[in-house]
Amino acid sequence: MGMSLDMDPELREMIAERAAEKIAARVKADAREIYDPLVDKKAAAAFLDCSTKYIDEFYMTQPGFPYHTKGRVLQYRISELSKWLDNHQQYA
């Protein structure tokens, strides 16, 4: 069941490029969920070696503290927490 589209080659190329961009973006998003998933507050606290209470405090008081929302639930990416931690180290 072949289908032939008589259209301008430039238009066909533009449509193909746009479709490829959309597919690549979706694959990248899917891969991120596999290799860098969102974690809950307990896992974020374990990674930062602090209590879940401090995670709540960081969320409320630290500008730029990385989080994502799914509905009313806050979630975190370990890679973003690691980067945030690197950028907020205080040395005595």
C-alpha atoms as a PDB file:
ATOM      1  CA  MET A   1       0.000   0.000   0.000  1.00  0.00           C
ATOM      2  CA  GLY A   2       2.282   2.740  -1.278  1.00  0.00           C
ATOM      3  CA  MET A   3       1.407   6.372  -1.039  1.00  0.00           C
ATOM      4  CA  SER A   4       2.708   9.046  -3.337  1.00  0.00           C
ATOM      5  CA  LEU A   5       2.784  12.681  -2.405  1.00  0.00           C
ATOM      6  CA  ASP A   6       3.302  15.144  -5.184  1.00  0.00           C
ATOM      7  CA  MET A   7       4.760  18.109  -3.408  1.00  0.00           C
ATOM      8  CA  ASP A   8       7.591  20.507  -3.720  1.00  0.00           C
ATOM      9  CA  PRO A   9      10.886  18.801  -2.719  1.00  0.00           C
ATOM     10  CA  GLU A  10      11.778  21.741  -0.459  1.00  0.00           C
ATOM     11  CA  LEU A  11       8.449  21.434   1.369  1.00  0.00           C
ATOM     12  CA  ARG A  12       8.925  17.671   1.704  1.00  0.00           C
ATOM     13  CA  GLU A  13      12.433  18.236   3.135  1.00  0.00           C
ATOM     14  CA  MET A  14      11.115  20.873   5.561  1.00  0.00           C
ATOM     15  CA  ILE A  15       8.378  18.502   6.797  1.00  0.00           C
ATOM     16  CA  ALA A  16      10.877  15.645   7.160  1.00  0.00           C
ATOM     17  CA  GLU A  17      13.294  17.865   9.163  1.00  0.00           C
ATOM     18  CA  ARG A  18      10.506  19.051  11.465  1.00  0.00           C
ATOM     19  CA  ALA A  19       9.320  15.487  12.052  1.00  0.00           C
ATOM     20  CA  ALA A  20      12.891  14.378  12.793  1.00  0.00           C
ATOM     21  CA  GLU A  21      13.289  17.222  15.327  1.00  0.00           C
ATOM     22  CA  LYS A  22      10.077  16.203  17.107  1.00  0.00           C
ATOM     23  CA  ILE A  23      11.087  12.536  17.203  1.00  0.00           C
ATOM     24  CA  ALA A  24      14.605  13.362  18.458  1.00  0.00           C
ATOM     25  CA  ALA A  25      13.209  15.563  21.239  1.00  0.00           C
ATOM     26  CA  ARG A  26      10.867  12.794  22.374  1.00  0.00           C
ATOM     27  CA  VAL A  27      13.615  10.163  22.324  1.00  0.00           C
ATOM     28  CA  LYS A  28      15.861  12.484  24.346  1.00  0.00           C
ATOM     29  CA  ALA A  29      13.099  13.037  26.919  1.00  0.00           C
ATOM     30  CA  ASP A  30      12.411   9.302  27.159  1.00  0.00           C
ATOM     31  CA  ALA A  31      16.125   8.549  27.595  1.00  0.00           C
ATOM     32  CA  ARG A  32      16.383  11.130  30.361  1.00  0.00           C
ATOM     33  CA  GLU A  33      13.571   9.466  32.276  1.00  0.00           C
ATOM     34  CA  ILE A  34      15.420   6.155  32.024  1.00  0.00           C
ATOM     35  CA  TYR A  35      18.924   7.355  32.909  1.00  0.00           C
ATOM     36  CA  ASP A  36      18.114  10.349  35.117  1.00  0.00           C
ATOM     37  CA  PRO A  37      14.681   9.678  36.607  1.00  0.00           C
ATOM     38  CA  LEU A  38      12.735  11.893  38.932  1.00  0.00           C
ATOM     39  CA  VAL A  39      13.032  10.790  42.555  1.00  0.00           C
ATOM     40  CA  ASP A  40      10.985  11.516  45.659  1.00  0.00           C
ATOM     41  CA  LYS A  41      11.925  13.663  48.649  1.00  0.00           C
ATOM     42  CA  LYS A  42      13.288  10.717  50.602  1.00  0.00           C
ATOM     43  CA  ALA A  43      15.735   9.774  47.818  1.00  0.00           C
ATOM     44  CA  ALA A  44      16.739  13.415  47.363  1.00  0.00           C
ATOM     45  CA  ALA A  45      17.432  13.704  51.100  1.00  0.00           C
ATOM     46  CA  ALA A  46      19.483  10.506  51.018  1.00  0.00           C
ATOM     47  CA  PHE A  47      21.550  11.855  48.119  1.00  0.00           C
ATOM     48  CA  LEU A  48      22.165  15.190  49.876  1.00  0.00           C
ATOM     49  CA  ASP A  49      22.740  13.390  53.199  1.00  0.00           C
ATOM     50  CA  CYS A  50      20.136  15.439  55.022  1.00  0.00           C
ATOM     51  CA  SER A  51      16.631  15.029  56.394  1.00  0.00           C
ATOM     52  CA  THR A  52      13.465  15.393  54.356  1.00  0.00           C
ATOM     53  CA  LYS A  53      12.744  18.426  56.533  1.00  0.00           C
ATOM     54  CA  TYR A  54      15.804  20.137  55.035  1.00  0.00           C
ATOM     55  CA  ILE A  55      14.621  19.290  51.531  1.00  0.00           C
ATOM     56  CA  ASP A  56      11.379  21.130  52.328  1.00  0.00           C
ATOM     57  CA  GLU A  57      13.384  24.032  53.750  1.00  0.00           C
ATOM     58  CA  PHE A  58      15.659  24.214  50.687  1.00  0.00           C
ATOM     59  CA  TYR A  59      12.611  24.182  48.409  1.00  0.00           C
ATOM     60  CA  MET A  60      11.004  27.055  50.334  1.00  0.00           C
ATOM     61  CA  THR A  61      14.054  29.234  51.026  1.00  0.00           C
ATOM     62  CA  GLN A  62      16.753  28.559  48.427  1.00  0.00           C
ATOM     63  CA  PRO A  63      16.262  30.328  45.101  1.00  0.00           C
ATOM     64  CA  GLY A  64      17.079  27.989  42.261  1.00  0.00           C
ATOM     65  CA  PHE A  65      16.723  24.786  44.264  1.00  0.00           C
ATOM     66  CA  PRO A  66      15.900  22.258  41.527  1.00  0.00           C
ATOM     67  CA  TYR A  67      12.540  20.514  41.648  1.00  0.00           C
ATOM     68  CA  HIS A  68       9.751  19.324  39.389  1.00  0.00           C
ATOM     69  CA  THR A  69       6.061  19.008  40.130  1.00  0.00           C
ATOM     70  CA  LYS A  70       3.749  16.212  39.126  1.00  0.00           C
ATOM     71  CA  GLY A  71       0.378  17.363  40.288  1.00  0.00           C
ATOM     72  CA  ARG A  72       0.986  18.467  43.861  1.00  0.00           C
ATOM     73  CA  VAL A  73       3.984  16.189  44.405  1.00  0.00           C
ATOM     74  CA  LEU A  74       7.513  17.582  44.320  1.00  0.00           C
ATOM     75  CA  GLN A  75      10.159  15.452  42.655  1.00  0.00           C
ATOM     76  CA  TYR A  76      13.859  15.890  42.019  1.00  0.00           C
ATOM     77  CA  ARG A  77      16.588  14.798  39.590  1.00  0.00           C
ATOM     78  CA  ILE A  78      19.833  13.613  41.153  1.00  0.00           C
ATOM     79  CA  SER A  79      21.860  15.264  38.355  1.00  0.00           C
ATOM     80  CA  GLU A  80      20.215  18.637  39.054  1.00  0.00           C
ATOM     81  CA  LEU A  81      20.698  18.272  42.807  1.00  0.00           C
ATOM     82  CA  SER A  82      24.361  17.439  42.227  1.00  0.00           C
ATOM     83  CA  LYS A  83      24.839  20.524  40.066  1.00  0.00           C
ATOM     84  CA  TRP A  84      22.997  22.688  42.598  1.00  0.00           C
ATOM     85  CA  LEU A  85      25.170  21.302  45.387  1.00  0.00           C
ATOM     86  CA  ASP A  86      28.353  22.025  43.417  1.00  0.00           C
ATOM     87  CA  ASN A  87      27.216  25.610  42.883  1.00  0.00           C
ATOM     88  CA  HIS A  88      26.255  26.168  46.539  1.00  0.00           C
ATOM     89  CA  GLN A  89      29.238  24.771  48.417  1.00  0.00           C
ATOM     90  CA  GLN A  90      30.419  26.954  51.271  1.00  0.00           C
ATOM     91  CA  TYR A  91      33.952  26.521  52.489  1.00  0.00           C
ATOM     92  CA  ALA A  92      35.133  27.685  55.898  1.00  0.00           C
END
